[in-house]
Amino acid sequence: MDQKFKQDMEIGSTIRSLRMERHLTQEQVVSKLQLMDLDITRSIYSQIEGGTYSIRISVLVGLAKIFRVDFNTFFRNIQLPDTDQ
């Protein structure tokens, strides 16, 4: 599997888990993001959770505020590629 795609899937899965742990719908999260003046639709948010849309940093900042987590939380399941030459 392409490394970038796998990383997007992991971040999306983490975001979905955080949302569900807080008993929020996608629509509720999107509404909160829109109140922060972030231009996002439920369709795009769904694609982020599904790992088929790369998340913007501004949206990640908004989600960190909504979920009250630090940024490391979003990357907890990401493994860096081996850089040995």
PDB file of N, CA and C in Angstrom:
ATOM      1  N   MET A   1       0.854  -1.183   0.000  1.00  0.00           N
ATOM      2  CA  MET A   1       0.000   0.000   0.000  1.00  0.00           C
ATOM      3  C   MET A   1       0.893   1.237   0.000  1.00  0.00           C
ATOM      4  N   ASP A   2       0.550   2.236  -0.770  1.00  0.00           N
ATOM      5  CA  ASP A   2       1.286   3.484  -0.832  1.00  0.00           C
ATOM      6  C   ASP A   2       1.399   4.090   0.569  1.00  0.00           C
ATOM      7  N   GLN A   3       2.625   4.498   0.957  1.00  0.00           N
ATOM      8  CA  GLN A   3       2.873   5.000   2.315  1.00  0.00           C
ATOM      9  C   GLN A   3       2.008   6.215   2.640  1.00  0.00           C
ATOM     10  N   LYS A   4       1.883   7.174   1.704  1.00  0.00           N
ATOM     11  CA  LYS A   4       1.072   8.369   1.941  1.00  0.00           C
ATOM     12  C   LYS A   4      -0.383   7.976   2.173  1.00  0.00           C
ATOM     13  N   PHE A   5      -0.899   7.091   1.360  1.00  0.00           N
ATOM     14  CA  PHE A   5      -2.289   6.652   1.510  1.00  0.00           C
ATOM     15  C   PHE A   5      -2.489   5.960   2.856  1.00  0.00           C
ATOM     16  N   LYS A   6      -1.543   5.127   3.244  1.00  0.00           N
ATOM     17  CA  LYS A   6      -1.646   4.421   4.518  1.00  0.00           C
ATOM     18  C   LYS A   6      -1.649   5.415   5.675  1.00  0.00           C
ATOM     19  N   GLN A   7      -0.805   6.444   5.601  1.00  0.00           N
ATOM     20  CA  GLN A   7      -0.766   7.464   6.651  1.00  0.00           C
ATOM     21  C   GLN A   7      -2.076   8.235   6.707  1.00  0.00           C
ATOM     22  N   ASP A   8      -2.639   8.588   5.550  1.00  0.00           N
ATOM     23  CA  ASP A   8      -3.928   9.284   5.514  1.00  0.00           C
ATOM     24  C   ASP A   8      -5.015   8.420   6.145  1.00  0.00           C
ATOM     25  N   MET A   9      -4.974   7.119   5.866  1.00  0.00           N
ATOM     26  CA  MET A   9      -5.958   6.195   6.436  1.00  0.00           C
ATOM     27  C   MET A   9      -5.831   6.143   7.957  1.00  0.00           C
ATOM     28  N   GLU A  10      -4.603   6.108   8.459  1.00  0.00           N
ATOM     29  CA  GLU A  10      -4.382   6.041   9.907  1.00  0.00           C
ATOM     30  C   GLU A  10      -4.867   7.311  10.597  1.00  0.00           C
ATOM     31  N   ILE A  11      -4.556   8.469  10.025  1.00  0.00           N
ATOM     32  CA  ILE A  11      -5.005   9.736  10.613  1.00  0.00           C
ATOM     33  C   ILE A  11      -6.526   9.803  10.576  1.00  0.00           C
ATOM     34  N   GLY A  12      -7.115   9.426   9.466  1.00  0.00           N
ATOM     35  CA  GLY A  12      -8.571   9.436   9.345  1.00  0.00           C
ATOM     36  C   GLY A  12      -9.233   8.521  10.358  1.00  0.00           C
ATOM     37  N   SER A  13      -8.664   7.357  10.552  1.00  0.00           N
ATOM     38  CA  SER A  13      -9.195   6.401  11.519  1.00  0.00           C
ATOM     39  C   SER A  13      -9.101   6.955  12.943  1.00  0.00           C
ATOM     40  N   THR A  14      -8.004   7.617  13.245  1.00  0.00           N
ATOM     41  CA  THR A  14      -7.836   8.229  14.564  1.00  0.00           C
ATOM     42  C   THR A  14      -8.863   9.330  14.773  1.00  0.00           C
ATOM     43  N   ILE A  15      -9.079  10.160  13.760  1.00  0.00           N
ATOM     44  CA  ILE A  15     -10.062  11.244  13.857  1.00  0.00           C
ATOM     45  C   ILE A  15     -11.456  10.663  14.078  1.00  0.00           C
ATOM     46  N   ARG A  16     -11.780   9.618  13.348  1.00  0.00           N
ATOM     47  CA  ARG A  16     -13.090   8.978  13.513  1.00  0.00           C
ATOM     48  C   ARG A  16     -13.252   8.436  14.932  1.00  0.00           C
ATOM     49  N   SER A  17     -12.224   7.785  15.445  1.00  0.00           N
ATOM     50  CA  SER A  17     -12.283   7.243  16.808  1.00  0.00           C
ATOM     51  C   SER A  17     -12.482   8.351  17.839  1.00  0.00           C
ATOM     52  N   LEU A  18     -11.759   9.453  17.683  1.00  0.00           N
ATOM     53  CA  LEU A  18     -11.897  10.578  18.613  1.00  0.00           C
ATOM     54  C   LEU A  18     -13.315  11.141  18.575  1.00  0.00           C
ATOM     55  N   ARG A  19     -13.862  11.253  17.376  1.00  0.00           N
ATOM     56  CA  ARG A  19     -15.226  11.782  17.232  1.00  0.00           C
ATOM     57  C   ARG A  19     -16.237  10.859  17.902  1.00  0.00           C
ATOM     58  N   MET A  20     -16.097   9.579  17.655  1.00  0.00           N
ATOM     59  CA  MET A  20     -17.056   8.619  18.204  1.00  0.00           C
ATOM     60  C   MET A  20     -16.933   8.501  19.728  1.00  0.00           C
ATOM     61  N   GLU A  21     -15.712   8.596  20.249  1.00  0.00           N
ATOM     62  CA  GLU A  21     -15.514   8.564  21.702  1.00  0.00           C
ATOM     63  C   GLU A  21     -16.249   9.714  22.381  1.00  0.00           C
ATOM     64  N   ARG A  22     -16.423  10.802  21.650  1.00  0.00           N
ATOM     65  CA  ARG A  22     -17.093  11.988  22.193  1.00  0.00           C
ATOM     66  C   ARG A  22     -18.574  12.046  21.820  1.00  0.00           C
ATOM     67  N   HIS A  23     -19.041  10.994  21.191  1.00  0.00           N
ATOM     68  CA  HIS A  23     -20.456  10.870  20.806  1.00  0.00           C
ATOM     69  C   HIS A  23     -20.914  12.044  19.940  1.00  0.00           C
ATOM     70  N   LEU A  24     -20.070  12.412  18.978  1.00  0.00           N
ATOM     71  CA  LEU A  24     -20.400  13.482  18.038  1.00  0.00           C
ATOM     72  C   LEU A  24     -20.666  12.891  16.663  1.00  0.00           C
ATOM     73  N   THR A  25     -21.560  13.518  15.924  1.00  0.00           N
ATOM     74  CA  THR A  25     -21.778  13.132  14.531  1.00  0.00           C
ATOM     75  C   THR A  25     -20.798  13.907  13.658  1.00  0.00           C
ATOM     76  N   GLN A  26     -20.638  13.442  12.427  1.00  0.00           N
ATOM     77  CA  GLN A  26     -19.810  14.187  11.487  1.00  0.00           C
ATOM     78  C   GLN A  26     -20.367  15.595  11.303  1.00  0.00           C
ATOM     79  N   GLU A  27     -21.667  15.706  11.207  1.00  0.00           N
ATOM     80  CA  GLU A  27     -22.307  17.012  11.008  1.00  0.00           C
ATOM     81  C   GLU A  27     -22.002  17.957  12.170  1.00  0.00           C
ATOM     82  N   GLN A  28     -22.014  17.446  13.390  1.00  0.00           N
ATOM     83  CA  GLN A  28     -21.705  18.288  14.550  1.00  0.00           C
ATOM     84  C   GLN A  28     -20.263  18.784  14.506  1.00  0.00           C
ATOM     85  N   VAL A  29     -19.342  17.910  14.147  1.00  0.00           N
ATOM     86  CA  VAL A  29     -17.936  18.306  14.058  1.00  0.00           C
ATOM     87  C   VAL A  29     -17.758  19.343  12.957  1.00  0.00           C
ATOM     88  N   VAL A  30     -18.375  19.102  11.809  1.00  0.00           N
ATOM     89  CA  VAL A  30     -18.281  20.051  10.696  1.00  0.00           C
ATOM     90  C   VAL A  30     -18.845  21.410  11.102  1.00  0.00           C
ATOM     91  N   SER A  31     -19.963  21.426  11.799  1.00  0.00           N
ATOM     92  CA  SER A  31     -20.557  22.691  12.257  1.00  0.00           C
ATOM     93  C   SER A  31     -19.597  23.444  13.166  1.00  0.00           C
ATOM     94  N   LYS A  32     -18.934  22.734  14.066  1.00  0.00           N
ATOM     95  CA  LYS A  32     -17.965  23.365  14.968  1.00  0.00           C
ATOM     96  C   LYS A  32     -16.783  23.924  14.176  1.00  0.00           C
ATOM     97  N   LEU A  33     -16.322  23.183  13.182  1.00  0.00           N
ATOM     98  CA  LEU A  33     -15.222  23.661  12.339  1.00  0.00           C
ATOM     99  C   LEU A  33     -15.641  24.900  11.553  1.00  0.00           C
ATOM    100  N   GLN A  34     -16.856  24.889  11.029  1.00  0.00           N
ATOM    101  CA  GLN A  34     -17.352  26.039  10.276  1.00  0.00           C
ATOM    102  C   GLN A  34     -17.480  27.270  11.168  1.00  0.00           C
ATOM    103  N   LEU A  35     -17.831  27.077  12.441  1.00  0.00           N
ATOM    104  CA  LEU A  35     -17.890  28.199  13.382  1.00  0.00           C
ATOM    105  C   LEU A  35     -16.508  28.801  13.630  1.00  0.00           C
ATOM    106  N   MET A  36     -15.467  28.032  13.338  1.00  0.00           N
ATOM    107  CA  MET A  36     -14.087  28.516  13.443  1.00  0.00           C
ATOM    108  C   MET A  36     -13.627  29.142  12.126  1.00  0.00           C
ATOM    109  N   ASP A  37     -14.580  29.382  11.221  1.00  0.00           N
ATOM    110  CA  ASP A  37     -14.305  29.948   9.891  1.00  0.00           C
ATOM    111  C   ASP A  37     -13.461  29.035   9.012  1.00  0.00           C
ATOM    112  N   LEU A  38     -13.599  27.734   9.210  1.00  0.00           N
ATOM    113  CA  LEU A  38     -12.921  26.778   8.343  1.00  0.00           C
ATOM    114  C   LEU A  38     -13.893  26.322   7.268  1.00  0.00           C
ATOM    115  N   ASP A  39     -13.439  26.377   6.037  1.00  0.00           N
ATOM    116  CA  ASP A  39     -14.268  26.022   4.885  1.00  0.00           C
ATOM    117  C   ASP A  39     -14.195  24.515   4.667  1.00  0.00           C
ATOM    118  N   ILE A  40     -15.178  23.804   5.213  1.00  0.00           N
ATOM    119  CA  ILE A  40     -15.209  22.348   5.097  1.00  0.00           C
ATOM    120  C   ILE A  40     -16.662  21.897   5.020  1.00  0.00           C
ATOM    121  N   THR A  41     -16.894  20.862   4.237  1.00  0.00           N
ATOM    122  CA  THR A  41     -18.238  20.284   4.125  1.00  0.00           C
ATOM    123  C   THR A  41     -18.242  18.917   4.808  1.00  0.00           C
ATOM    124  N   ARG A  42     -19.422  18.379   5.042  1.00  0.00           N
ATOM    125  CA  ARG A  42     -19.506  17.050   5.631  1.00  0.00           C
ATOM    126  C   ARG A  42     -18.912  16.012   4.691  1.00  0.00           C
ATOM    127  N   SER A  43     -19.092  16.221   3.396  1.00  0.00           N
ATOM    128  CA  SER A  43     -18.540  15.294   2.410  1.00  0.00           C
ATOM    129  C   SER A  43     -17.011  15.239   2.500  1.00  0.00           C
ATOM    130  N   ILE A  44     -16.379  16.395   2.586  1.00  0.00           N
ATOM    131  CA  ILE A  44     -14.918  16.430   2.702  1.00  0.00           C
ATOM    132  C   ILE A  44     -14.485  15.818   4.026  1.00  0.00           C
ATOM    133  N   TYR A  45     -15.210  16.153   5.096  1.00  0.00           N
ATOM    134  CA  TYR A  45     -14.867  15.594   6.406  1.00  0.00           C
ATOM    135  C   TYR A  45     -14.961  14.061   6.372  1.00  0.00           C
ATOM    136  N   SER A  46     -15.980  13.550   5.737  1.00  0.00           N
ATOM    137  CA  SER A  46     -16.147  12.106   5.607  1.00  0.00           C
ATOM    138  C   SER A  46     -14.963  11.490   4.858  1.00  0.00           C
ATOM    139  N   GLN A  47     -14.507  12.179   3.825  1.00  0.00           N
ATOM    140  CA  GLN A  47     -13.352  11.697   3.060  1.00  0.00           C
ATOM    141  C   GLN A  47     -12.079  11.725   3.907  1.00  0.00           C
ATOM    142  N   ILE A  48     -11.956  12.726   4.786  1.00  0.00           N
ATOM    143  CA  ILE A  48     -10.804  12.785   5.695  1.00  0.00           C
ATOM    144  C   ILE A  48     -10.811  11.564   6.607  1.00  0.00           C
ATOM    145  N   GLU A  49     -11.967  11.286   7.208  1.00  0.00           N
ATOM    146  CA  GLU A  49     -12.070  10.115   8.088  1.00  0.00           C
ATOM    147  C   GLU A  49     -11.809   8.820   7.324  1.00  0.00           C
ATOM    148  N   GLY A  50     -12.184   8.788   6.064  1.00  0.00           N
ATOM    149  CA  GLY A  50     -11.978   7.594   5.250  1.00  0.00           C
ATOM    150  C   GLY A  50     -10.580   7.481   4.674  1.00  0.00           C
ATOM    151  N   GLY A  51      -9.771   8.523   4.861  1.00  0.00           N
ATOM    152  CA  GLY A  51      -8.393   8.498   4.385  1.00  0.00           C
ATOM    153  C   GLY A  51      -8.229   8.777   2.912  1.00  0.00           C
ATOM    154  N   THR A  52      -9.277   9.295   2.271  1.00  0.00           N
ATOM    155  CA  THR A  52      -9.188   9.564   0.831  1.00  0.00           C
ATOM    156  C   THR A  52      -9.006  11.047   0.524  1.00  0.00           C
ATOM    157  N   TYR A  53      -8.880  11.873   1.561  1.00  0.00           N
ATOM    158  CA  TYR A  53      -8.691  13.313   1.385  1.00  0.00           C
ATOM    159  C   TYR A  53      -7.651  13.757   2.403  1.00  0.00           C
ATOM    160  N   SER A  54      -6.589  14.383   1.936  1.00  0.00           N
ATOM    161  CA  SER A  54      -5.531  14.837   2.842  1.00  0.00           C
ATOM    162  C   SER A  54      -6.008  16.047   3.632  1.00  0.00           C
ATOM    163  N   ILE A  55      -5.879  15.962   4.931  1.00  0.00           N
ATOM    164  CA  ILE A  55      -6.372  17.004   5.817  1.00  0.00           C
ATOM    165  C   ILE A  55      -5.460  18.233   5.776  1.00  0.00           C
ATOM    166  N   ARG A  56      -6.074  19.407   5.806  1.00  0.00           N
ATOM    167  CA  ARG A  56      -5.322  20.661   5.881  1.00  0.00           C
ATOM    168  C   ARG A  56      -4.903  20.889   7.335  1.00  0.00           C
ATOM    169  N   ILE A  57      -3.787  21.543   7.526  1.00  0.00           N
ATOM    170  CA  ILE A  57      -3.291  21.833   8.872  1.00  0.00           C
ATOM    171  C   ILE A  57      -4.308  22.647   9.655  1.00  0.00           C
ATOM    172  N   SER A  58      -4.957  23.611   9.013  1.00  0.00           N
ATOM    173  CA  SER A  58      -5.940  24.446   9.714  1.00  0.00           C
ATOM    174  C   SER A  58      -7.097  23.607  10.252  1.00  0.00           C
ATOM    175  N   VAL A  59      -7.507  22.594   9.517  1.00  0.00           N
ATOM    176  CA  VAL A  59      -8.576  21.704   9.983  1.00  0.00           C
ATOM    177  C   VAL A  59      -8.058  20.846  11.136  1.00  0.00           C
ATOM    178  N   LEU A  60      -6.824  20.401  11.049  1.00  0.00           N
ATOM    179  CA  LEU A  60      -6.232  19.612  12.126  1.00  0.00           C
ATOM    180  C   LEU A  60      -6.165  20.430  13.420  1.00  0.00           C
ATOM    181  N   VAL A  61      -5.819  21.711  13.302  1.00  0.00           N
ATOM    182  CA  VAL A  61      -5.801  22.602  14.469  1.00  0.00           C
ATOM    183  C   VAL A  61      -7.205  22.701  15.062  1.00  0.00           C
ATOM    184  N   GLY A  62      -8.200  22.879  14.204  1.00  0.00           N
ATOM    185  CA  GLY A  62      -9.584  22.952  14.665  1.00  0.00           C
ATOM    186  C   GLY A  62     -10.028  21.679  15.359  1.00  0.00           C
ATOM    187  N   LEU A  63      -9.677  20.545  14.796  1.00  0.00           N
ATOM    188  CA  LEU A  63     -10.052  19.263  15.408  1.00  0.00           C
ATOM    189  C   LEU A  63      -9.367  19.064  16.758  1.00  0.00           C
ATOM    190  N   ALA A  64      -8.115  19.500  16.866  1.00  0.00           N
ATOM    191  CA  ALA A  64      -7.417  19.401  18.152  1.00  0.00           C
ATOM    192  C   ALA A  64      -8.161  20.193  19.224  1.00  0.00           C
ATOM    193  N   LYS A  65      -8.676  21.357  18.842  1.00  0.00           N
ATOM    194  CA  LYS A  65      -9.445  22.173  19.788  1.00  0.00           C
ATOM    195  C   LYS A  65     -10.770  21.500  20.136  1.00  0.00           C
ATOM    196  N   ILE A  66     -11.471  21.003  19.134  1.00  0.00           N
ATOM    197  CA  ILE A  66     -12.771  20.360  19.363  1.00  0.00           C
ATOM    198  C   ILE A  66     -12.627  19.124  20.248  1.00  0.00           C
ATOM    199  N   PHE A  67     -11.640  18.294  19.945  1.00  0.00           N
ATOM    200  CA  PHE A  67     -11.456  17.046  20.679  1.00  0.00           C
ATOM    201  C   PHE A  67     -10.618  17.223  21.950  1.00  0.00           C
ATOM    202  N   ARG A  68     -10.028  18.412  22.106  1.00  0.00           N
ATOM    203  CA  ARG A  68      -9.180  18.726  23.269  1.00  0.00           C
ATOM    204  C   ARG A  68      -8.042  17.721  23.419  1.00  0.00           C
ATOM    205  N   VAL A  69      -7.292  17.591  22.332  1.00  0.00           N
ATOM    206  CA  VAL A  69      -6.127  16.703  22.313  1.00  0.00           C
ATOM    207  C   VAL A  69      -4.941  17.476  21.754  1.00  0.00           C
ATOM    208  N   ASP A  70      -3.742  16.951  21.979  1.00  0.00           N
ATOM    209  CA  ASP A  70      -2.582  17.573  21.348  1.00  0.00           C
ATOM    210  C   ASP A  70      -2.350  16.907  19.988  1.00  0.00           C
ATOM    211  N   PHE A  71      -1.473  17.501  19.218  1.00  0.00           N
ATOM    212  CA  PHE A  71      -1.264  17.024  17.847  1.00  0.00           C
ATOM    213  C   PHE A  71      -0.694  15.613  17.781  1.00  0.00           C
ATOM    214  N   ASN A  72       0.075  15.223  18.775  1.00  0.00           N
ATOM    215  CA  ASN A  72       0.633  13.868  18.768  1.00  0.00           C
ATOM    216  C   ASN A  72      -0.451  12.806  18.708  1.00  0.00           C
ATOM    217  N   THR A  73      -1.611  13.111  19.243  1.00  0.00           N
ATOM    218  CA  THR A  73      -2.720  12.157  19.244  1.00  0.00           C
ATOM    219  C   THR A  73      -3.088  11.738  17.824  1.00  0.00           C
ATOM    220  N   PHE A  74      -3.072  12.674  16.891  1.00  0.00           N
ATOM    221  CA  PHE A  74      -3.457  12.371  15.512  1.00  0.00           C
ATOM    222  C   PHE A  74      -2.456  11.443  14.822  1.00  0.00           C
ATOM    223  N   PHE A  75      -1.230  11.448  15.301  1.00  0.00           N
ATOM    224  CA  PHE A  75      -0.166  10.690  14.644  1.00  0.00           C
ATOM    225  C   PHE A  75       0.256   9.455  15.435  1.00  0.00           C
ATOM    226  N   ARG A  76      -0.524   9.084  16.434  1.00  0.00           N
ATOM    227  CA  ARG A  76      -0.120   8.000  17.331  1.00  0.00           C
ATOM    228  C   ARG A  76       0.046   6.656  16.629  1.00  0.00           C
ATOM    229  N   ASN A  77      -0.636   6.427  15.532  1.00  0.00           N
ATOM    230  CA  ASN A  77      -0.536   5.145  14.822  1.00  0.00           C
ATOM    231  C   ASN A  77       0.299   5.223  13.549  1.00  0.00           C
ATOM    232  N   ILE A  78       0.960   6.353  13.350  1.00  0.00           N
ATOM    233  CA  ILE A  78       1.761   6.541  12.138  1.00  0.00           C
ATOM    234  C   ILE A  78       3.179   6.037  12.382  1.00  0.00           C
ATOM    235  N   GLN A  79       3.645   5.200  11.482  1.00  0.00           N
ATOM    236  CA  GLN A  79       5.025   4.745  11.542  1.00  0.00           C
ATOM    237  C   GLN A  79       5.800   5.456  10.447  1.00  0.00           C
ATOM    238  N   LEU A  80       6.915   6.039  10.833  1.00  0.00           N
ATOM    239  CA  LEU A  80       7.750   6.722   9.856  1.00  0.00           C
ATOM    240  C   LEU A  80       8.431   5.694   8.967  1.00  0.00           C
ATOM    241  N   PRO A  81       8.591   6.035   7.686  1.00  0.00           N
ATOM    242  CA  PRO A  81       9.268   5.097   6.789  1.00  0.00           C
ATOM    243  C   PRO A  81      10.726   4.924   7.198  1.00  0.00           C
ATOM    244  N   ASP A  82      11.258   3.765   6.924  1.00  0.00           N
ATOM    245  CA  ASP A  82      12.659   3.480   7.212  1.00  0.00           C
ATOM    246  C   ASP A  82      13.521   4.366   6.324  1.00  0.00           C
ATOM    247  N   THR A  83      14.429   5.111   6.932  1.00  0.00           N
ATOM    248  CA  THR A  83      15.259   6.039   6.156  1.00  0.00           C
ATOM    249  C   THR A  83      16.681   5.534   5.984  1.00  0.00           C
ATOM    250  N   ASP A  84      16.948   4.294   6.363  1.00  0.00           N
ATOM    251  CA  ASP A  84      18.289   3.734   6.165  1.00  0.00           C
ATOM    252  C   ASP A  84      18.588   3.671   4.679  1.00  0.00           C
ATOM    253  N   GLN A  85      19.760   4.106   4.337  1.00  0.00           N
ATOM    254  CA  GLN A  85      20.153   4.136   2.924  1.00  0.00           C
ATOM    255  C   GLN A  85      20.973   2.923   2.587  1.00  0.00           C
TER     256      GLN A  85
END
